[in-house]
Amino acid sequence: MNRPDDDALSPTARLFVGLWPDDETRQALHDHQALWQWGRSAVPTRRERLHMTLHFLGDWPRELVPALVQGLAVPFEPFTLRLDDAGVWRNGIARVGPVEPPAPLLALHHRLALALARLGLVPASGRFAPHVTLARGAAQAMPPRRPPSIVWPVAGYALVESDLRPPASYRIRAVYG
């Protein structure tokens, strides 16, 4: 779908930093998602929107995005992420994530938090719970009996812009790694 140039529409960009799956991992996530039993209120995440958010940045003035792109370049080493746990949180988020987050993922999250602080943004406090959201409004959803076994070779991370206009979409602004 062609959209008018986003830069001409809004003075701000709604951004997050996240892990963007390769096609094989995205298909494995989608295949796992298809095994769930969804309640009536569940809104499954569309295949092309499956990702793992590391830091939500909110709305940024577009003129500051180039500095943000540069400031988010932190040391990165590829790693393997095993998504071997699934469930529904109390807020109705159906998710899949690692039972034990790997040290390189936690280190990347920390390095990005430091980079954001240098840019004047205070990252959200609280425990980092790495996950991929499979659906929202899914309080009644049931994951498959067998836990997921998704191996995600993480080769980098991305700065992503959310476009909330229907149909909501994402646009990769920068890739690192």
C-alpha atoms as a PDB file:
ATOM      1  CA  MET A   1       0.000   0.000   0.000  1.00  0.00           C
ATOM      2  CA  ASN A   2       1.468   3.363  -0.960  1.00  0.00           C
ATOM      3  CA  ARG A   3       1.130   6.100   1.625  1.00  0.00           C
ATOM      4  CA  PRO A   4       1.974   9.769   1.347  1.00  0.00           C
ATOM      5  CA  ASP A   5       5.432  10.652   2.627  1.00  0.00           C
ATOM      6  CA  ASP A   6       5.172  10.296   6.406  1.00  0.00           C
ATOM      7  CA  ASP A   7       7.577  13.176   6.956  1.00  0.00           C
ATOM      8  CA  ALA A   8       5.088  15.540   5.292  1.00  0.00           C
ATOM      9  CA  LEU A   9       2.169  14.349   7.445  1.00  0.00           C
ATOM     10  CA  SER A  10       3.361  14.624  11.016  1.00  0.00           C
ATOM     11  CA  PRO A  11       6.071  16.580  12.799  1.00  0.00           C
ATOM     12  CA  THR A  12       6.758  13.562  15.012  1.00  0.00           C
ATOM     13  CA  ALA A  13       7.605   9.906  14.506  1.00  0.00           C
ATOM     14  CA  ARG A  14       6.400   7.186  16.930  1.00  0.00           C
ATOM     15  CA  LEU A  15       9.499   5.021  17.438  1.00  0.00           C
ATOM     16  CA  PHE A  16      10.836   1.931  19.149  1.00  0.00           C
ATOM     17  CA  VAL A  17      14.056  -0.066  19.118  1.00  0.00           C
ATOM     18  CA  GLY A  18      13.563  -3.765  18.638  1.00  0.00           C
ATOM     19  CA  LEU A  19      14.632  -7.080  17.247  1.00  0.00           C
ATOM     20  CA  TRP A  20      13.227  -7.607  13.771  1.00  0.00           C
ATOM     21  CA  PRO A  21      12.957 -11.294  12.849  1.00  0.00           C
ATOM     22  CA  ASP A  22      14.278 -12.747   9.620  1.00  0.00           C
ATOM     23  CA  ASP A  23      11.729 -14.437   7.345  1.00  0.00           C
ATOM     24  CA  GLU A  24      12.320 -17.937   8.759  1.00  0.00           C
ATOM     25  CA  THR A  25      11.913 -16.790  12.375  1.00  0.00           C
ATOM     26  CA  ARG A  26       8.856 -14.705  11.486  1.00  0.00           C
ATOM     27  CA  GLN A  27       7.288 -17.789   9.856  1.00  0.00           C
ATOM     28  CA  ALA A  28       8.076 -19.912  12.946  1.00  0.00           C
ATOM     29  CA  LEU A  29       6.410 -17.266  15.145  1.00  0.00           C
ATOM     30  CA  HIS A  30       3.389 -17.188  12.851  1.00  0.00           C
ATOM     31  CA  ASP A  31       3.174 -21.002  12.796  1.00  0.00           C
ATOM     32  CA  HIS A  32       3.289 -21.095  16.607  1.00  0.00           C
ATOM     33  CA  GLN A  33       0.640 -18.370  16.792  1.00  0.00           C
ATOM     34  CA  ALA A  34      -1.655 -20.514  14.616  1.00  0.00           C
ATOM     35  CA  LEU A  35      -1.559 -23.302  17.246  1.00  0.00           C
ATOM     36  CA  TRP A  36      -3.172 -21.139  19.932  1.00  0.00           C
ATOM     37  CA  GLN A  37      -6.875 -21.228  20.789  1.00  0.00           C
ATOM     38  CA  TRP A  38      -8.047 -17.623  20.666  1.00  0.00           C
ATOM     39  CA  GLY A  39     -11.043 -16.219  22.513  1.00  0.00           C
ATOM     40  CA  ARG A  40     -13.515 -13.894  20.833  1.00  0.00           C
ATOM     41  CA  SER A  41     -11.831 -10.716  22.040  1.00  0.00           C
ATOM     42  CA  ALA A  42      -8.314 -11.698  20.950  1.00  0.00           C
ATOM     43  CA  VAL A  43      -6.680  -9.620  18.244  1.00  0.00           C
ATOM     44  CA  PRO A  44      -3.735 -11.620  16.888  1.00  0.00           C
ATOM     45  CA  THR A  45      -0.694  -9.669  15.760  1.00  0.00           C
ATOM     46  CA  ARG A  46      -0.388  -9.677  11.996  1.00  0.00           C
ATOM     47  CA  ARG A  47       2.522 -11.748  10.693  1.00  0.00           C
ATOM     48  CA  GLU A  48       4.421  -8.761   9.308  1.00  0.00           C
ATOM     49  CA  ARG A  49       4.234  -6.956  12.682  1.00  0.00           C
ATOM     50  CA  LEU A  50       5.770  -9.725  14.832  1.00  0.00           C
ATOM     51  CA  HIS A  51       8.901  -8.407  16.589  1.00  0.00           C
ATOM     52  CA  MET A  52      10.505  -7.961  20.018  1.00  0.00           C
ATOM     53  CA  THR A  53      10.552  -4.447  21.452  1.00  0.00           C
ATOM     54  CA  LEU A  54      13.706  -3.555  23.372  1.00  0.00           C
ATOM     55  CA  HIS A  55      12.840   0.083  24.142  1.00  0.00           C
ATOM     56  CA  PHE A  56       9.714   2.070  23.296  1.00  0.00           C
ATOM     57  CA  LEU A  57      10.707   5.672  22.562  1.00  0.00           C
ATOM     58  CA  GLY A  58       7.350   7.315  21.881  1.00  0.00           C
ATOM     59  CA  ASP A  59       6.915  10.341  19.669  1.00  0.00           C
ATOM     60  CA  TRP A  60      10.124  12.040  18.474  1.00  0.00           C
ATOM     61  CA  PRO A  61      10.418  15.252  16.490  1.00  0.00           C
ATOM     62  CA  ARG A  62      11.381  14.179  12.979  1.00  0.00           C
ATOM     63  CA  GLU A  63      14.262  16.653  12.851  1.00  0.00           C
ATOM     64  CA  LEU A  64      15.881  14.774  15.782  1.00  0.00           C
ATOM     65  CA  VAL A  65      15.600  11.311  14.188  1.00  0.00           C
ATOM     66  CA  PRO A  66      18.988  11.513  12.359  1.00  0.00           C
ATOM     67  CA  ALA A  67      20.762  12.186  15.687  1.00  0.00           C
ATOM     68  CA  LEU A  68      18.816   9.320  17.244  1.00  0.00           C
ATOM     69  CA  VAL A  69      19.852   6.992  14.405  1.00  0.00           C
ATOM     70  CA  GLN A  70      23.514   7.818  15.095  1.00  0.00           C
ATOM     71  CA  GLY A  71      23.163   7.704  18.879  1.00  0.00           C
ATOM     72  CA  LEU A  72      21.656   4.208  18.900  1.00  0.00           C
ATOM     73  CA  ALA A  73      24.704   2.601  17.291  1.00  0.00           C
ATOM     74  CA  VAL A  74      26.075   0.482  20.150  1.00  0.00           C
ATOM     75  CA  PRO A  75      28.436  -2.512  20.179  1.00  0.00           C
ATOM     76  CA  PHE A  76      26.609  -5.630  19.000  1.00  0.00           C
ATOM     77  CA  GLU A  77      27.537  -9.289  18.677  1.00  0.00           C
ATOM     78  CA  PRO A  78      25.111 -11.711  16.996  1.00  0.00           C
ATOM     79  CA  PHE A  79      23.486 -14.235  19.330  1.00  0.00           C
ATOM     80  CA  THR A  80      20.854 -16.948  19.410  1.00  0.00           C
ATOM     81  CA  LEU A  81      17.546 -16.303  21.141  1.00  0.00           C
ATOM     82  CA  ARG A  82      15.453 -19.314  22.132  1.00  0.00           C
ATOM     83  CA  LEU A  83      11.748 -18.622  22.447  1.00  0.00           C
ATOM     84  CA  ASP A  84      10.656 -21.524  24.606  1.00  0.00           C
ATOM     85  CA  ASP A  85       7.942 -20.099  26.851  1.00  0.00           C
ATOM     86  CA  ALA A  86       4.393 -19.026  26.023  1.00  0.00           C
ATOM     87  CA  GLY A  87       1.533 -17.638  28.030  1.00  0.00           C
ATOM     88  CA  VAL A  88      -0.920 -14.837  28.638  1.00  0.00           C
ATOM     89  CA  TRP A  89      -0.208 -11.981  31.010  1.00  0.00           C
ATOM     90  CA  ARG A  90      -2.940 -10.550  33.255  1.00  0.00           C
ATOM     91  CA  ASN A  91      -3.377  -7.618  30.881  1.00  0.00           C
ATOM     92  CA  GLY A  92      -4.467  -9.994  28.093  1.00  0.00           C
ATOM     93  CA  ILE A  93      -1.178  -9.994  26.163  1.00  0.00           C
ATOM     94  CA  ALA A  94      -0.519 -13.416  24.612  1.00  0.00           C
ATOM     95  CA  ARG A  95       3.210 -13.726  24.246  1.00  0.00           C
ATOM     96  CA  VAL A  96       6.147 -15.969  23.537  1.00  0.00           C
ATOM     97  CA  GLY A  97       9.597 -15.397  24.999  1.00  0.00           C
ATOM     98  CA  PRO A  98      12.678 -17.012  26.447  1.00  0.00           C
ATOM     99  CA  VAL A  99      12.502 -18.970  29.698  1.00  0.00           C
ATOM    100  CA  GLU A 100      15.983 -17.611  30.406  1.00  0.00           C
ATOM    101  CA  PRO A 101      16.957 -14.458  28.489  1.00  0.00           C
ATOM    102  CA  PRO A 102      20.473 -14.862  27.074  1.00  0.00           C
ATOM    103  CA  ALA A 103      23.197 -12.600  28.441  1.00  0.00           C
ATOM    104  CA  PRO A 104      23.852 -10.928  25.047  1.00  0.00           C
ATOM    105  CA  LEU A 105      20.184  -9.848  24.850  1.00  0.00           C
ATOM    106  CA  LEU A 106      20.305  -8.352  28.337  1.00  0.00           C
ATOM    107  CA  ALA A 107      23.628  -6.644  27.530  1.00  0.00           C
ATOM    108  CA  LEU A 108      22.178  -5.153  24.326  1.00  0.00           C
ATOM    109  CA  HIS A 109      19.145  -3.870  26.230  1.00  0.00           C
ATOM    110  CA  HIS A 110      21.458  -2.249  28.798  1.00  0.00           C
ATOM    111  CA  ARG A 111      23.780  -0.680  26.180  1.00  0.00           C
ATOM    112  CA  LEU A 112      20.765   0.778  24.389  1.00  0.00           C
ATOM    113  CA  ALA A 113      19.426   2.183  27.681  1.00  0.00           C
ATOM    114  CA  LEU A 114      22.761   3.934  28.235  1.00  0.00           C
ATOM    115  CA  ALA A 115      22.716   5.297  24.667  1.00  0.00           C
ATOM    116  CA  LEU A 116      19.180   6.609  25.156  1.00  0.00           C
ATOM    117  CA  ALA A 117      20.208   8.270  28.421  1.00  0.00           C
ATOM    118  CA  ARG A 118      23.067  10.019  26.581  1.00  0.00           C
ATOM    119  CA  LEU A 119      20.443  11.320  24.143  1.00  0.00           C
ATOM    120  CA  GLY A 120      18.386  12.703  27.024  1.00  0.00           C
ATOM    121  CA  LEU A 121      15.721   9.987  27.113  1.00  0.00           C
ATOM    122  CA  VAL A 122      15.096   8.174  30.359  1.00  0.00           C
ATOM    123  CA  PRO A 123      14.277   4.572  29.423  1.00  0.00           C
ATOM    124  CA  ALA A 124      11.299   2.942  31.107  1.00  0.00           C
ATOM    125  CA  SER A 125      12.170   1.606  34.515  1.00  0.00           C
ATOM    126  CA  GLY A 126      11.222  -1.826  35.715  1.00  0.00           C
ATOM    127  CA  ARG A 127      12.195  -5.331  34.771  1.00  0.00           C
ATOM    128  CA  PHE A 128      12.817  -6.072  31.105  1.00  0.00           C
ATOM    129  CA  ALA A 129      10.534  -8.952  30.070  1.00  0.00           C
ATOM    130  CA  PRO A 130      11.670  -9.901  26.553  1.00  0.00           C
ATOM    131  CA  HIS A 131       8.759 -11.199  24.501  1.00  0.00           C
ATOM    132  CA  VAL A 132       6.997 -11.197  21.160  1.00  0.00           C
ATOM    133  CA  THR A 133       3.348 -10.151  21.420  1.00  0.00           C
ATOM    134  CA  LEU A 134       1.210 -12.710  19.613  1.00  0.00           C
ATOM    135  CA  ALA A 135      -2.146 -11.084  20.418  1.00  0.00           C
ATOM    136  CA  ARG A 136      -3.854  -8.414  22.505  1.00  0.00           C
ATOM    137  CA  GLY A 137      -7.211  -8.755  24.241  1.00  0.00           C
ATOM    138  CA  ALA A 138      -6.352 -12.408  24.689  1.00  0.00           C
ATOM    139  CA  ALA A 139      -7.233 -13.008  28.355  1.00  0.00           C
ATOM    140  CA  GLN A 140      -9.165 -16.162  27.377  1.00  0.00           C
ATOM    141  CA  ALA A 141      -6.535 -17.505  24.956  1.00  0.00           C
ATOM    142  CA  MET A 142      -4.925 -20.893  25.473  1.00  0.00           C
ATOM    143  CA  PRO A 143      -1.383 -21.599  24.291  1.00  0.00           C
ATOM    144  CA  PRO A 144      -0.624 -24.986  22.759  1.00  0.00           C
ATOM    145  CA  ARG A 145       0.163 -27.749  25.241  1.00  0.00           C
ATOM    146  CA  ARG A 146       3.667 -28.166  23.917  1.00  0.00           C
ATOM    147  CA  PRO A 147       5.916 -25.172  24.595  1.00  0.00           C
ATOM    148  CA  PRO A 148       7.303 -23.318  21.614  1.00  0.00           C
ATOM    149  CA  SER A 149      10.728 -24.185  20.283  1.00  0.00           C
ATOM    150  CA  ILE A 150      11.712 -21.215  18.162  1.00  0.00           C
ATOM    151  CA  VAL A 151      15.398 -20.545  17.583  1.00  0.00           C
ATOM    152  CA  TRP A 152      15.992 -16.972  16.483  1.00  0.00           C
ATOM    153  CA  PRO A 153      19.453 -16.127  15.125  1.00  0.00           C
ATOM    154  CA  VAL A 154      19.663 -12.440  16.081  1.00  0.00           C
ATOM    155  CA  ALA A 155      21.905 -10.666  13.589  1.00  0.00           C
ATOM    156  CA  GLY A 156      21.061  -7.094  14.581  1.00  0.00           C
ATOM    157  CA  TYR A 157      18.482  -4.685  15.913  1.00  0.00           C
ATOM    158  CA  ALA A 158      16.425  -1.908  14.350  1.00  0.00           C
ATOM    159  CA  LEU A 159      14.948   1.525  14.912  1.00  0.00           C
ATOM    160  CA  VAL A 160      11.330   1.193  13.814  1.00  0.00           C
ATOM    161  CA  GLU A 161       8.566   3.721  13.238  1.00  0.00           C
ATOM    162  CA  SER A 162       4.946   2.841  14.003  1.00  0.00           C
ATOM    163  CA  ASP A 163       2.268   4.229  11.738  1.00  0.00           C
ATOM    164  CA  LEU A 164      -1.000   3.881  13.628  1.00  0.00           C
ATOM    165  CA  ARG A 165      -3.208   4.906  10.700  1.00  0.00           C
ATOM    166  CA  PRO A 166      -5.295   1.931   9.501  1.00  0.00           C
ATOM    167  CA  PRO A 167      -4.013  -0.485   8.575  1.00  0.00           C
ATOM    168  CA  ALA A 168      -1.279   0.057  11.171  1.00  0.00           C
ATOM    169  CA  SER A 169       2.202  -0.645   9.859  1.00  0.00           C
ATOM    170  CA  TYR A 170       5.882  -0.416  10.696  1.00  0.00           C
ATOM    171  CA  ARG A 171       8.711   1.228   8.800  1.00  0.00           C
ATOM    172  CA  ILE A 172      12.344   0.350   9.488  1.00  0.00           C
ATOM    173  CA  ARG A 173      14.276   3.601   9.954  1.00  0.00           C
ATOM    174  CA  ALA A 174      17.717   2.065  10.653  1.00  0.00           C
ATOM    175  CA  VAL A 175      19.276  -1.391  11.030  1.00  0.00           C
ATOM    176  CA  TYR A 176      22.269  -2.063  13.263  1.00  0.00           C
ATOM    177  CA  GLY A 177      24.544  -5.072  13.552  1.00  0.00           C
END
